[in-house]
Amino acid sequence: MLYQDKFFYLCHIPLSAEGPDDVEIIDKAGDSHAFSDLFKKYEELRSHAFNEDGLYSVIRADKIYVLLRTTTPDQAKTEAFEEARPGLVTNLEHRVMQDKDKNAVQILRDVHDVDISI
């Protein structure tokens, strides 16, 4: 068995992300002490997407953040994009339904292979 160090990565995935190359790693932590600070930062960045009951709502998110533990920055970007993808689709579909957002329609069609009409 080959041992590999794992780190905690805080990643930002823009709503227009087309793949792992569009994921930005904001910060990285290597131990539990640093993780505590990283988690606080994660919660602060996501705070705009909480509703009045204190529940996170992906449709309120202008930006999506993912906190995960993995081995390399490239792996972190890949895993973050895959983890965020359902939230991206939900957010974009909501933008189409509520605001008739043509840009969201195009992203859904071209990136996520979801055909939706206004």
PDB file of N, CA and C in Angstrom:
ATOM      1  N   MET A   1       0.841  -1.176   0.000  1.00  0.00           N
ATOM      2  CA  MET A   1       0.000   0.000   0.000  1.00  0.00           C
ATOM      3  C   MET A   1       0.886   1.238   0.000  1.00  0.00           C
ATOM      4  N   LEU A   2       0.593   2.164  -0.847  1.00  0.00           N
ATOM      5  CA  LEU A   2       1.358   3.394  -0.978  1.00  0.00           C
ATOM      6  C   LEU A   2       0.658   4.503  -0.208  1.00  0.00           C
ATOM      7  N   TYR A   3       1.353   5.069   0.770  1.00  0.00           N
ATOM      8  CA  TYR A   3       0.781   6.142   1.580  1.00  0.00           C
ATOM      9  C   TYR A   3       0.902   7.474   0.850  1.00  0.00           C
ATOM     10  N   GLN A   4      -0.166   8.241   0.865  1.00  0.00           N
ATOM     11  CA  GLN A   4      -0.147   9.576   0.286  1.00  0.00           C
ATOM     12  C   GLN A   4      -0.721  10.550   1.300  1.00  0.00           C
ATOM     13  N   ASP A   5      -0.050  11.678   1.460  1.00  0.00           N
ATOM     14  CA  ASP A   5      -0.577  12.729   2.330  1.00  0.00           C
ATOM     15  C   ASP A   5      -1.868  13.269   1.741  1.00  0.00           C
ATOM     16  N   LYS A   6      -2.805  13.582   2.628  1.00  0.00           N
ATOM     17  CA  LYS A   6      -4.045  14.218   2.199  1.00  0.00           C
ATOM     18  C   LYS A   6      -4.138  15.577   2.861  1.00  0.00           C
ATOM     19  N   PHE A   7      -4.719  16.511   2.131  1.00  0.00           N
ATOM     20  CA  PHE A   7      -4.888  17.878   2.600  1.00  0.00           C
ATOM     21  C   PHE A   7      -6.357  18.262   2.458  1.00  0.00           C
ATOM     22  N   PHE A   8      -6.748  19.282   3.199  1.00  0.00           N
ATOM     23  CA  PHE A   8      -8.074  19.854   3.061  1.00  0.00           C
ATOM     24  C   PHE A   8      -7.959  21.012   2.073  1.00  0.00           C
ATOM     25  N   TYR A   9      -8.855  21.040   1.103  1.00  0.00           N
ATOM     26  CA  TYR A   9      -8.856  22.082   0.088  1.00  0.00           C
ATOM     27  C   TYR A   9     -10.195  22.827   0.113  1.00  0.00           C
ATOM     28  N   LEU A  10     -10.111  24.139   0.101  1.00  0.00           N
ATOM     29  CA  LEU A  10     -11.294  24.986  -0.038  1.00  0.00           C
ATOM     30  C   LEU A  10     -11.303  25.481  -1.482  1.00  0.00           C
ATOM     31  N   CYS A  11     -12.359  25.113  -2.213  1.00  0.00           N
ATOM     32  CA  CYS A  11     -12.424  25.417  -3.641  1.00  0.00           C
ATOM     33  C   CYS A  11     -13.635  26.283  -3.967  1.00  0.00           C
ATOM     34  N   HIS A  12     -13.455  27.143  -4.947  1.00  0.00           N
ATOM     35  CA  HIS A  12     -14.527  27.992  -5.478  1.00  0.00           C
ATOM     36  C   HIS A  12     -14.851  27.500  -6.879  1.00  0.00           C
ATOM     37  N   ILE A  13     -16.137  27.257  -7.116  1.00  0.00           N
ATOM     38  CA  ILE A  13     -16.589  26.818  -8.432  1.00  0.00           C
ATOM     39  C   ILE A  13     -17.567  27.868  -8.952  1.00  0.00           C
ATOM     40  N   PRO A  14     -17.195  28.626  -9.990  1.00  0.00           N
ATOM     41  CA  PRO A  14     -18.120  29.623 -10.531  1.00  0.00           C
ATOM     42  C   PRO A  14     -19.302  28.948 -11.225  1.00  0.00           C
ATOM     43  N   LEU A  15     -20.427  29.636 -11.277  1.00  0.00           N
ATOM     44  CA  LEU A  15     -21.609  29.062 -11.913  1.00  0.00           C
ATOM     45  C   LEU A  15     -21.379  28.747 -13.384  1.00  0.00           C
ATOM     46  N   SER A  16     -20.432  29.416 -13.988  1.00  0.00           N
ATOM     47  CA  SER A  16     -20.139  29.196 -15.407  1.00  0.00           C
ATOM     48  C   SER A  16     -19.060  28.139 -15.635  1.00  0.00           C
ATOM     49  N   ALA A  17     -18.643  27.439 -14.582  1.00  0.00           N
ATOM     50  CA  ALA A  17     -17.566  26.445 -14.715  1.00  0.00           C
ATOM     51  C   ALA A  17     -17.921  25.377 -15.737  1.00  0.00           C
ATOM     52  N   GLU A  18     -16.946  25.082 -16.591  1.00  0.00           N
ATOM     53  CA  GLU A  18     -17.142  24.056 -17.613  1.00  0.00           C
ATOM     54  C   GLU A  18     -16.438  22.762 -17.265  1.00  0.00           C
ATOM     55  N   GLY A  19     -15.577  22.799 -16.260  1.00  0.00           N
ATOM     56  CA  GLY A  19     -14.841  21.604 -15.868  1.00  0.00           C
ATOM     57  C   GLY A  19     -13.865  21.932 -14.758  1.00  0.00           C
ATOM     58  N   PRO A  20     -13.042  20.949 -14.360  1.00  0.00           N
ATOM     59  CA  PRO A  20     -12.091  21.141 -13.269  1.00  0.00           C
ATOM     60  C   PRO A  20     -11.101  22.290 -13.488  1.00  0.00           C
ATOM     61  N   ASP A  21     -10.811  22.619 -14.726  1.00  0.00           N
ATOM     62  CA  ASP A  21      -9.879  23.723 -14.995  1.00  0.00           C
ATOM     63  C   ASP A  21     -10.421  25.068 -14.530  1.00  0.00           C
ATOM     64  N   ASP A  22     -11.729  25.176 -14.377  1.00  0.00           N
ATOM     65  CA  ASP A  22     -12.360  26.428 -13.939  1.00  0.00           C
ATOM     66  C   ASP A  22     -12.472  26.540 -12.422  1.00  0.00           C
ATOM     67  N   VAL A  23     -12.104  25.485 -11.716  1.00  0.00           N
ATOM     68  CA  VAL A  23     -12.169  25.481 -10.257  1.00  0.00           C
ATOM     69  C   VAL A  23     -10.945  26.201  -9.700  1.00  0.00           C
ATOM     70  N   GLU A  24     -11.179  27.060  -8.728  1.00  0.00           N
ATOM     71  CA  GLU A  24     -10.098  27.801  -8.077  1.00  0.00           C
ATOM     72  C   GLU A  24      -9.901  27.254  -6.669  1.00  0.00           C
ATOM     73  N   ILE A  25      -8.666  26.914  -6.334  1.00  0.00           N
ATOM     74  CA  ILE A  25      -8.356  26.512  -4.968  1.00  0.00           C
ATOM     75  C   ILE A  25      -8.052  27.786  -4.190  1.00  0.00           C
ATOM     76  N   ILE A  26      -8.875  28.049  -3.184  1.00  0.00           N
ATOM     77  CA  ILE A  26      -8.732  29.264  -2.388  1.00  0.00           C
ATOM     78  C   ILE A  26      -7.699  29.095  -1.298  1.00  0.00           C
ATOM     79  N   ASP A  27      -7.725  27.922  -0.653  1.00  0.00           N
ATOM     80  CA  ASP A  27      -6.814  27.690   0.470  1.00  0.00           C
ATOM     81  C   ASP A  27      -6.658  26.195   0.685  1.00  0.00           C
ATOM     82  N   LYS A  28      -5.643  25.856   1.484  1.00  0.00           N
ATOM     83  CA  LYS A  28      -5.322  24.455   1.752  1.00  0.00           C
ATOM     84  C   LYS A  28      -4.876  24.340   3.198  1.00  0.00           C
ATOM     85  N   ALA A  29      -5.267  23.242   3.852  1.00  0.00           N
ATOM     86  CA  ALA A  29      -4.845  22.994   5.228  1.00  0.00           C
ATOM     87  C   ALA A  29      -4.293  21.576   5.320  1.00  0.00           C
ATOM     88  N   GLY A  30      -3.242  21.431   6.128  1.00  0.00           N
ATOM     89  CA  GLY A  30      -2.601  20.126   6.238  1.00  0.00           C
ATOM     90  C   GLY A  30      -2.839  19.409   7.552  1.00  0.00           C
ATOM     91  N   ASP A  31      -3.427  20.085   8.534  1.00  0.00           N
ATOM     92  CA  ASP A  31      -3.665  19.432   9.824  1.00  0.00           C
ATOM     93  C   ASP A  31      -4.980  19.915  10.426  1.00  0.00           C
ATOM     94  N   SER A  32      -5.379  19.303  11.528  1.00  0.00           N
ATOM     95  CA  SER A  32      -6.688  19.612  12.107  1.00  0.00           C
ATOM     96  C   SER A  32      -6.755  21.031  12.667  1.00  0.00           C
ATOM     97  N   HIS A  33      -5.638  21.566  13.144  1.00  0.00           N
ATOM     98  CA  HIS A  33      -5.649  22.945  13.638  1.00  0.00           C
ATOM     99  C   HIS A  33      -5.913  23.920  12.487  1.00  0.00           C
ATOM    100  N   ALA A  34      -5.222  23.729  11.394  1.00  0.00           N
ATOM    101  CA  ALA A  34      -5.421  24.589  10.222  1.00  0.00           C
ATOM    102  C   ALA A  34      -6.805  24.366   9.609  1.00  0.00           C
ATOM    103  N   PHE A  35      -7.331  23.141   9.749  1.00  0.00           N
ATOM    104  CA  PHE A  35      -8.662  22.859   9.218  1.00  0.00           C
ATOM    105  C   PHE A  35      -9.723  23.714   9.899  1.00  0.00           C
ATOM    106  N   SER A  36      -9.584  23.931  11.172  1.00  0.00           N
ATOM    107  CA  SER A  36     -10.552  24.750  11.919  1.00  0.00           C
ATOM    108  C   SER A  36     -10.662  26.146  11.305  1.00  0.00           C
ATOM    109  N   ASP A  37      -9.533  26.761  11.019  1.00  0.00           N
ATOM    110  CA  ASP A  37      -9.540  28.084  10.392  1.00  0.00           C
ATOM    111  C   ASP A  37     -10.106  28.018   8.970  1.00  0.00           C
ATOM    112  N   LEU A  38      -9.753  26.957   8.259  1.00  0.00           N
ATOM    113  CA  LEU A  38     -10.236  26.782   6.889  1.00  0.00           C
ATOM    114  C   LEU A  38     -11.757  26.610   6.875  1.00  0.00           C
ATOM    115  N   PHE A  39     -12.284  25.862   7.841  1.00  0.00           N
ATOM    116  CA  PHE A  39     -13.727  25.652   7.913  1.00  0.00           C
ATOM    117  C   PHE A  39     -14.456  26.965   8.208  1.00  0.00           C
ATOM    118  N   LYS A  40     -13.890  27.787   9.072  1.00  0.00           N
ATOM    119  CA  LYS A  40     -14.493  29.096   9.357  1.00  0.00           C
ATOM    120  C   LYS A  40     -14.547  29.947   8.096  1.00  0.00           C
ATOM    121  N   LYS A  41     -13.485  29.921   7.325  1.00  0.00           N
ATOM    122  CA  LYS A  41     -13.435  30.669   6.068  1.00  0.00           C
ATOM    123  C   LYS A  41     -14.503  30.150   5.098  1.00  0.00           C
ATOM    124  N   TYR A  42     -14.642  28.835   5.038  1.00  0.00           N
ATOM    125  CA  TYR A  42     -15.655  28.186   4.193  1.00  0.00           C
ATOM    126  C   TYR A  42     -17.054  28.657   4.572  1.00  0.00           C
ATOM    127  N   GLU A  43     -17.356  28.663   5.860  1.00  0.00           N
ATOM    128  CA  GLU A  43     -18.664  29.100   6.333  1.00  0.00           C
ATOM    129  C   GLU A  43     -18.916  30.574   6.025  1.00  0.00           C
ATOM    130  N   GLU A  44     -17.898  31.398   6.166  1.00  0.00           N
ATOM    131  CA  GLU A  44     -18.041  32.832   5.853  1.00  0.00           C
ATOM    132  C   GLU A  44     -18.339  33.040   4.368  1.00  0.00           C
ATOM    133  N   LEU A  45     -17.630  32.321   3.513  1.00  0.00           N
ATOM    134  CA  LEU A  45     -17.823  32.470   2.071  1.00  0.00           C
ATOM    135  C   LEU A  45     -19.212  32.014   1.625  1.00  0.00           C
ATOM    136  N   ARG A  46     -19.751  31.017   2.299  1.00  0.00           N
ATOM    137  CA  ARG A  46     -21.074  30.494   1.943  1.00  0.00           C
ATOM    138  C   ARG A  46     -22.210  31.244   2.626  1.00  0.00           C
ATOM    139  N   SER A  47     -21.917  32.141   3.539  1.00  0.00           N
ATOM    140  CA  SER A  47     -22.940  32.760   4.382  1.00  0.00           C
ATOM    141  C   SER A  47     -24.026  33.495   3.591  1.00  0.00           C
ATOM    142  N   HIS A  48     -23.714  34.005   2.414  1.00  0.00           N
ATOM    143  CA  HIS A  48     -24.706  34.736   1.626  1.00  0.00           C
ATOM    144  C   HIS A  48     -25.837  33.835   1.122  1.00  0.00           C
ATOM    145  N   ALA A  49     -25.618  32.526   1.138  1.00  0.00           N
ATOM    146  CA  ALA A  49     -26.594  31.604   0.571  1.00  0.00           C
ATOM    147  C   ALA A  49     -27.487  30.931   1.616  1.00  0.00           C
ATOM    148  N   PHE A  50     -27.442  31.412   2.846  1.00  0.00           N
ATOM    149  CA  PHE A  50     -28.310  30.856   3.884  1.00  0.00           C
ATOM    150  C   PHE A  50     -29.623  31.636   3.905  1.00  0.00           C
ATOM    151  N   ASN A  51     -30.716  30.920   4.125  1.00  0.00           N
ATOM    152  CA  ASN A  51     -32.016  31.585   4.191  1.00  0.00           C
ATOM    153  C   ASN A  51     -32.290  32.064   5.614  1.00  0.00           C
ATOM    154  N   GLU A  52     -33.474  32.609   5.827  1.00  0.00           N
ATOM    155  CA  GLU A  52     -33.811  33.182   7.139  1.00  0.00           C
ATOM    156  C   GLU A  52     -33.860  32.134   8.246  1.00  0.00           C
ATOM    157  N   ASP A  53     -33.978  30.856   7.880  1.00  0.00           N
ATOM    158  CA  ASP A  53     -33.980  29.778   8.876  1.00  0.00           C
ATOM    159  C   ASP A  53     -32.581  29.222   9.139  1.00  0.00           C
ATOM    160  N   GLY A  54     -31.588  29.812   8.491  1.00  0.00           N
ATOM    161  CA  GLY A  54     -30.216  29.365   8.690  1.00  0.00           C
ATOM    162  C   GLY A  54     -29.845  28.127   7.888  1.00  0.00           C
ATOM    163  N   LEU A  55     -30.616  27.821   6.856  1.00  0.00           N
ATOM    164  CA  LEU A  55     -30.342  26.663   6.013  1.00  0.00           C
ATOM    165  C   LEU A  55     -29.689  27.108   4.710  1.00  0.00           C
ATOM    166  N   TYR A  56     -28.677  26.361   4.281  1.00  0.00           N
ATOM    167  CA  TYR A  56     -27.994  26.660   3.028  1.00  0.00           C
ATOM    168  C   TYR A  56     -28.904  26.341   1.851  1.00  0.00           C
ATOM    169  N   SER A  57     -28.969  27.252   0.904  1.00  0.00           N
ATOM    170  CA  SER A  57     -29.786  27.065  -0.290  1.00  0.00           C
ATOM    171  C   SER A  57     -28.927  27.316  -1.524  1.00  0.00           C
ATOM    172  N   VAL A  58     -28.709  26.284  -2.316  1.00  0.00           N
ATOM    173  CA  VAL A  58     -27.856  26.411  -3.491  1.00  0.00           C
ATOM    174  C   VAL A  58     -28.437  27.393  -4.499  1.00  0.00           C
ATOM    175  N   ILE A  59     -29.750  27.578  -4.503  1.00  0.00           N
ATOM    176  CA  ILE A  59     -30.332  28.518  -5.466  1.00  0.00           C
ATOM    177  C   ILE A  59     -30.068  29.963  -5.068  1.00  0.00           C
ATOM    178  N   ARG A  60     -29.678  30.197  -3.832  1.00  0.00           N
ATOM    179  CA  ARG A  60     -29.321  31.545  -3.384  1.00  0.00           C
ATOM    180  C   ARG A  60     -27.839  31.841  -3.607  1.00  0.00           C
ATOM    181  N   ALA A  61     -27.071  30.831  -3.937  1.00  0.00           N
ATOM    182  CA  ALA A  61     -25.619  30.974  -4.049  1.00  0.00           C
ATOM    183  C   ALA A  61     -25.224  31.679  -5.346  1.00  0.00           C
ATOM    184  N   ASP A  62     -24.463  32.745  -5.216  1.00  0.00           N
ATOM    185  CA  ASP A  62     -23.884  33.397  -6.386  1.00  0.00           C
ATOM    186  C   ASP A  62     -22.583  32.705  -6.775  1.00  0.00           C
ATOM    187  N   LYS A  63     -21.987  32.078  -5.793  1.00  0.00           N
ATOM    188  CA  LYS A  63     -20.755  31.328  -5.991  1.00  0.00           C
ATOM    189  C   LYS A  63     -20.890  30.049  -5.173  1.00  0.00           C
ATOM    190  N   ILE A  64     -20.322  28.975  -5.673  1.00  0.00           N
ATOM    191  CA  ILE A  64     -20.395  27.702  -4.963  1.00  0.00           C
ATOM    192  C   ILE A  64     -19.011  27.358  -4.432  1.00  0.00           C
ATOM    193  N   TYR A  65     -18.984  26.937  -3.177  1.00  0.00           N
ATOM    194  CA  TYR A  65     -17.736  26.566  -2.508  1.00  0.00           C
ATOM    195  C   TYR A  65     -17.825  25.128  -2.046  1.00  0.00           C
ATOM    196  N   VAL A  66     -16.706  24.427  -2.140  1.00  0.00           N
ATOM    197  CA  VAL A  66     -16.628  23.039  -1.704  1.00  0.00           C
ATOM    198  C   VAL A  66     -15.396  22.892  -0.825  1.00  0.00           C
ATOM    199  N   LEU A  67     -15.554  22.156   0.259  1.00  0.00           N
ATOM    200  CA  LEU A  67     -14.463  21.845   1.169  1.00  0.00           C
ATOM    201  C   LEU A  67     -14.292  20.337   1.132  1.00  0.00           C
ATOM    202  N   LEU A  68     -13.095  19.883   0.775  1.00  0.00           N
ATOM    203  CA  LEU A  68     -12.869  18.451   0.679  1.00  0.00           C
ATOM    204  C   LEU A  68     -11.450  18.077   1.072  1.00  0.00           C
ATOM    205  N   ARG A  69     -11.241  16.782   1.236  1.00  0.00           N
ATOM    206  CA  ARG A  69      -9.926  16.265   1.629  1.00  0.00           C
ATOM    207  C   ARG A  69      -9.465  15.287   0.569  1.00  0.00           C
ATOM    208  N   THR A  70      -8.296  15.572   0.007  1.00  0.00           N
ATOM    209  CA  THR A  70      -7.746  14.713  -1.033  1.00  0.00           C
ATOM    210  C   THR A  70      -6.235  14.923  -1.131  1.00  0.00           C
ATOM    211  N   THR A  71      -5.615  14.321  -2.118  1.00  0.00           N
ATOM    212  CA  THR A  71      -4.150  14.271  -2.180  1.00  0.00           C
ATOM    213  C   THR A  71      -3.476  15.423  -2.917  1.00  0.00           C
ATOM    214  N   THR A  72      -3.978  15.801  -4.065  1.00  0.00           N
ATOM    215  CA  THR A  72      -3.280  16.797  -4.887  1.00  0.00           C
ATOM    216  C   THR A  72      -4.224  17.927  -5.301  1.00  0.00           C
ATOM    217  N   PRO A  73      -3.669  19.062  -5.683  1.00  0.00           N
ATOM    218  CA  PRO A  73      -4.522  20.156  -6.178  1.00  0.00           C
ATOM    219  C   PRO A  73      -5.355  19.754  -7.400  1.00  0.00           C
ATOM    220  N   ASP A  74      -4.772  18.993  -8.315  1.00  0.00           N
ATOM    221  CA  ASP A  74      -5.531  18.566  -9.495  1.00  0.00           C
ATOM    222  C   ASP A  74      -6.690  17.658  -9.105  1.00  0.00           C
ATOM    223  N   GLN A  75      -6.439  16.761  -8.164  1.00  0.00           N
ATOM    224  CA  GLN A  75      -7.501  15.878  -7.686  1.00  0.00           C
ATOM    225  C   GLN A  75      -8.580  16.692  -6.979  1.00  0.00           C
ATOM    226  N   ALA A  76      -8.169  17.706  -6.227  1.00  0.00           N
ATOM    227  CA  ALA A  76      -9.124  18.572  -5.523  1.00  0.00           C
ATOM    228  C   ALA A  76     -10.030  19.287  -6.525  1.00  0.00           C
ATOM    229  N   LYS A  77      -9.460  19.796  -7.601  1.00  0.00           N
ATOM    230  CA  LYS A  77     -10.261  20.493  -8.608  1.00  0.00           C
ATOM    231  C   LYS A  77     -11.263  19.553  -9.273  1.00  0.00           C
ATOM    232  N   THR A  78     -10.808  18.347  -9.591  1.00  0.00           N
ATOM    233  CA  THR A  78     -11.690  17.365 -10.225  1.00  0.00           C
ATOM    234  C   THR A  78     -12.833  16.976  -9.297  1.00  0.00           C
ATOM    235  N   GLU A  79     -12.507  16.658  -8.055  1.00  0.00           N
ATOM    236  CA  GLU A  79     -13.530  16.247  -7.091  1.00  0.00           C
ATOM    237  C   GLU A  79     -14.482  17.397  -6.757  1.00  0.00           C
ATOM    238  N   ALA A  80     -13.949  18.603  -6.650  1.00  0.00           N
ATOM    239  CA  ALA A  80     -14.793  19.766  -6.330  1.00  0.00           C
ATOM    240  C   ALA A  80     -15.798  20.011  -7.451  1.00  0.00           C
ATOM    241  N   PHE A  81     -15.363  19.928  -8.694  1.00  0.00           N
ATOM    242  CA  PHE A  81     -16.283  20.149  -9.811  1.00  0.00           C
ATOM    243  C   PHE A  81     -17.376  19.094  -9.817  1.00  0.00           C
ATOM    244  N   GLU A  82     -17.006  17.843  -9.635  1.00  0.00           N
ATOM    245  CA  GLU A  82     -17.999  16.764  -9.644  1.00  0.00           C
ATOM    246  C   GLU A  82     -18.972  16.891  -8.480  1.00  0.00           C
ATOM    247  N   GLU A  83     -18.472  17.289  -7.322  1.00  0.00           N
ATOM    248  CA  GLU A  83     -19.348  17.465  -6.164  1.00  0.00           C
ATOM    249  C   GLU A  83     -20.301  18.649  -6.355  1.00  0.00           C
ATOM    250  N   ALA A  84     -19.816  19.691  -6.998  1.00  0.00           N
ATOM    251  CA  ALA A  84     -20.622  20.905  -7.182  1.00  0.00           C
ATOM    252  C   ALA A  84     -21.580  20.821  -8.358  1.00  0.00           C
ATOM    253  N   ARG A  85     -21.348  19.921  -9.267  1.00  0.00           N
ATOM    254  CA  ARG A  85     -22.132  19.879 -10.509  1.00  0.00           C
ATOM    255  C   ARG A  85     -23.651  19.833 -10.287  1.00  0.00           C
ATOM    256  N   PRO A  86     -24.195  18.979  -9.420  1.00  0.00           N
ATOM    257  CA  PRO A  86     -25.654  19.008  -9.212  1.00  0.00           C
ATOM    258  C   PRO A  86     -26.152  20.365  -8.706  1.00  0.00           C
ATOM    259  N   GLY A  87     -25.385  21.002  -7.834  1.00  0.00           N
ATOM    260  CA  GLY A  87     -25.758  22.327  -7.340  1.00  0.00           C
ATOM    261  C   GLY A  87     -25.692  23.372  -8.434  1.00  0.00           C
ATOM    262  N   LEU A  88     -24.708  23.273  -9.307  1.00  0.00           N
ATOM    263  CA  LEU A  88     -24.595  24.198 -10.430  1.00  0.00           C
ATOM    264  C   LEU A  88     -25.833  24.095 -11.324  1.00  0.00           C
ATOM    265  N   VAL A  89     -26.211  22.866 -11.648  1.00  0.00           N
ATOM    266  CA  VAL A  89     -27.367  22.648 -12.522  1.00  0.00           C
ATOM    267  C   VAL A  89     -28.635  23.187 -11.859  1.00  0.00           C
ATOM    268  N   THR A  90     -28.816  22.885 -10.583  1.00  0.00           N
ATOM    269  CA  THR A  90     -30.008  23.361  -9.860  1.00  0.00           C
ATOM    270  C   THR A  90     -30.061  24.885  -9.843  1.00  0.00           C
ATOM    271  N   ASN A  91     -28.930  25.517  -9.538  1.00  0.00           N
ATOM    272  CA  ASN A  91     -28.873  26.972  -9.486  1.00  0.00           C
ATOM    273  C   ASN A  91     -29.207  27.569 -10.857  1.00  0.00           C
ATOM    274  N   LEU A  92     -28.603  27.034 -11.899  1.00  0.00           N
ATOM    275  CA  LEU A  92     -28.831  27.558 -13.245  1.00  0.00           C
ATOM    276  C   LEU A  92     -30.276  27.342 -13.698  1.00  0.00           C
ATOM    277  N   GLU A  93     -30.841  26.174 -13.385  1.00  0.00           N
ATOM    278  CA  GLU A  93     -32.243  25.925 -13.738  1.00  0.00           C
ATOM    279  C   GLU A  93     -33.160  26.922 -13.025  1.00  0.00           C
ATOM    280  N   HIS A  94     -32.865  27.220 -11.794  1.00  0.00           N
ATOM    281  CA  HIS A  94     -33.656  28.194 -11.046  1.00  0.00           C
ATOM    282  C   HIS A  94     -33.558  29.574 -11.686  1.00  0.00           C
ATOM    283  N   ARG A  95     -32.362  29.950 -12.130  1.00  0.00           N
ATOM    284  CA  ARG A  95     -32.182  31.242 -12.792  1.00  0.00           C
ATOM    285  C   ARG A  95     -33.000  31.326 -14.081  1.00  0.00           C
ATOM    286  N   VAL A  96     -33.095  30.208 -14.778  1.00  0.00           N
ATOM    287  CA  VAL A  96     -33.901  30.182 -16.002  1.00  0.00           C
ATOM    288  C   VAL A  96     -35.374  30.339 -15.663  1.00  0.00           C
ATOM    289  N   MET A  97     -35.843  29.582 -14.678  1.00  0.00           N
ATOM    290  CA  MET A  97     -37.268  29.619 -14.325  1.00  0.00           C
ATOM    291  C   MET A  97     -37.682  30.964 -13.727  1.00  0.00           C
ATOM    292  N   GLN A  98     -36.835  31.532 -12.866  1.00  0.00           N
ATOM    293  CA  GLN A  98     -37.206  32.770 -12.178  1.00  0.00           C
ATOM    294  C   GLN A  98     -36.934  34.031 -12.989  1.00  0.00           C
ATOM    295  N   ASP A  99     -35.783  34.058 -13.655  1.00  0.00           N
ATOM    296  CA  ASP A  99     -35.341  35.292 -14.311  1.00  0.00           C
ATOM    297  C   ASP A  99     -35.266  35.205 -15.831  1.00  0.00           C
ATOM    298  N   LYS A 100     -35.626  34.048 -16.369  1.00  0.00           N
ATOM    299  CA  LYS A 100     -35.529  33.847 -17.830  1.00  0.00           C
ATOM    300  C   LYS A 100     -34.106  34.142 -18.324  1.00  0.00           C
ATOM    301  N   ASP A 101     -33.112  33.698 -17.561  1.00  0.00           N
ATOM    302  CA  ASP A 101     -31.701  33.979 -17.821  1.00  0.00           C
ATOM    303  C   ASP A 101     -31.199  33.180 -19.037  1.00  0.00           C
ATOM    304  N   LYS A 102     -30.980  33.876 -20.140  1.00  0.00           N
ATOM    305  CA  LYS A 102     -30.541  33.221 -21.376  1.00  0.00           C
ATOM    306  C   LYS A 102     -29.118  32.684 -21.263  1.00  0.00           C
ATOM    307  N   ASN A 103     -28.282  33.345 -20.482  1.00  0.00           N
ATOM    308  CA  ASN A 103     -26.927  32.873 -20.264  1.00  0.00           C
ATOM    309  C   ASN A 103     -26.947  31.525 -19.532  1.00  0.00           C
ATOM    310  N   ALA A 104     -27.829  31.399 -18.551  1.00  0.00           N
ATOM    311  CA  ALA A 104     -27.966  30.142 -17.818  1.00  0.00           C
ATOM    312  C   ALA A 104     -28.444  29.025 -18.743  1.00  0.00           C
ATOM    313  N   VAL A 105     -29.370  29.346 -19.652  1.00  0.00           N
ATOM    314  CA  VAL A 105     -29.842  28.355 -20.628  1.00  0.00           C
ATOM    315  C   VAL A 105     -28.676  27.837 -21.451  1.00  0.00           C
ATOM    316  N   GLN A 106     -27.834  28.752 -21.908  1.00  0.00           N
ATOM    317  CA  GLN A 106     -26.694  28.378 -22.744  1.00  0.00           C
ATOM    318  C   GLN A 106     -25.693  27.510 -21.982  1.00  0.00           C
ATOM    319  N   ILE A 107     -25.403  27.865 -20.737  1.00  0.00           N
ATOM    320  CA  ILE A 107     -24.471  27.072 -19.920  1.00  0.00           C
ATOM    321  C   ILE A 107     -25.042  25.683 -19.685  1.00  0.00           C
ATOM    322  N   LEU A 108     -26.325  25.605 -19.352  1.00  0.00           N
ATOM    323  CA  LEU A 108     -26.950  24.294 -19.143  1.00  0.00           C
ATOM    324  C   LEU A 108     -26.860  23.430 -20.392  1.00  0.00           C
ATOM    325  N   ARG A 109     -27.133  24.024 -21.525  1.00  0.00           N
ATOM    326  CA  ARG A 109     -27.143  23.283 -22.785  1.00  0.00           C
ATOM    327  C   ARG A 109     -25.724  22.860 -23.193  1.00  0.00           C
ATOM    328  N   ASP A 110     -24.794  23.806 -23.167  1.00  0.00           N
ATOM    329  CA  ASP A 110     -23.456  23.536 -23.690  1.00  0.00           C
ATOM    330  C   ASP A 110     -22.549  22.766 -22.730  1.00  0.00           C
ATOM    331  N   VAL A 111     -22.683  23.027 -21.441  1.00  0.00           N
ATOM    332  CA  VAL A 111     -21.765  22.439 -20.472  1.00  0.00           C
ATOM    333  C   VAL A 111     -22.338  21.192 -19.805  1.00  0.00           C
ATOM    334  N   HIS A 112     -23.600  21.266 -19.412  1.00  0.00           N
ATOM    335  CA  HIS A 112     -24.186  20.181 -18.615  1.00  0.00           C
ATOM    336  C   HIS A 112     -25.123  19.273 -19.420  1.00  0.00           C
ATOM    337  N   ASP A 113     -25.272  19.569 -20.703  1.00  0.00           N
ATOM    338  CA  ASP A 113     -26.107  18.770 -21.593  1.00  0.00           C
ATOM    339  C   ASP A 113     -27.550  18.664 -21.076  1.00  0.00           C
ATOM    340  N   VAL A 114     -28.044  19.776 -20.568  1.00  0.00           N
ATOM    341  CA  VAL A 114     -29.429  19.870 -20.070  1.00  0.00           C
ATOM    342  C   VAL A 114     -30.162  20.818 -20.989  1.00  0.00           C
ATOM    343  N   ASP A 115     -31.202  20.300 -21.650  1.00  0.00           N
ATOM    344  CA  ASP A 115     -31.977  21.135 -22.561  1.00  0.00           C
ATOM    345  C   ASP A 115     -33.161  21.717 -21.811  1.00  0.00           C
ATOM    346  N   ILE A 116     -33.190  23.020 -21.732  1.00  0.00           N
ATOM    347  CA  ILE A 116     -34.252  23.714 -21.005  1.00  0.00           C
ATOM    348  C   ILE A 116     -34.663  24.914 -21.849  1.00  0.00           C
ATOM    349  N   SER A 117     -35.940  25.172 -21.887  1.00  0.00           N
ATOM    350  CA  SER A 117     -36.395  26.310 -22.682  1.00  0.00           C
ATOM    351  C   SER A 117     -37.044  27.352 -21.779  1.00  0.00           C
ATOM    352  N   ILE A 118     -37.045  28.572 -22.277  1.00  0.00           N
ATOM    353  CA  ILE A 118     -37.602  29.694 -21.519  1.00  0.00           C
ATOM    354  C   ILE A 118     -39.081  29.827 -21.840  1.00  0.00           C
TER     355      ILE A 118
END
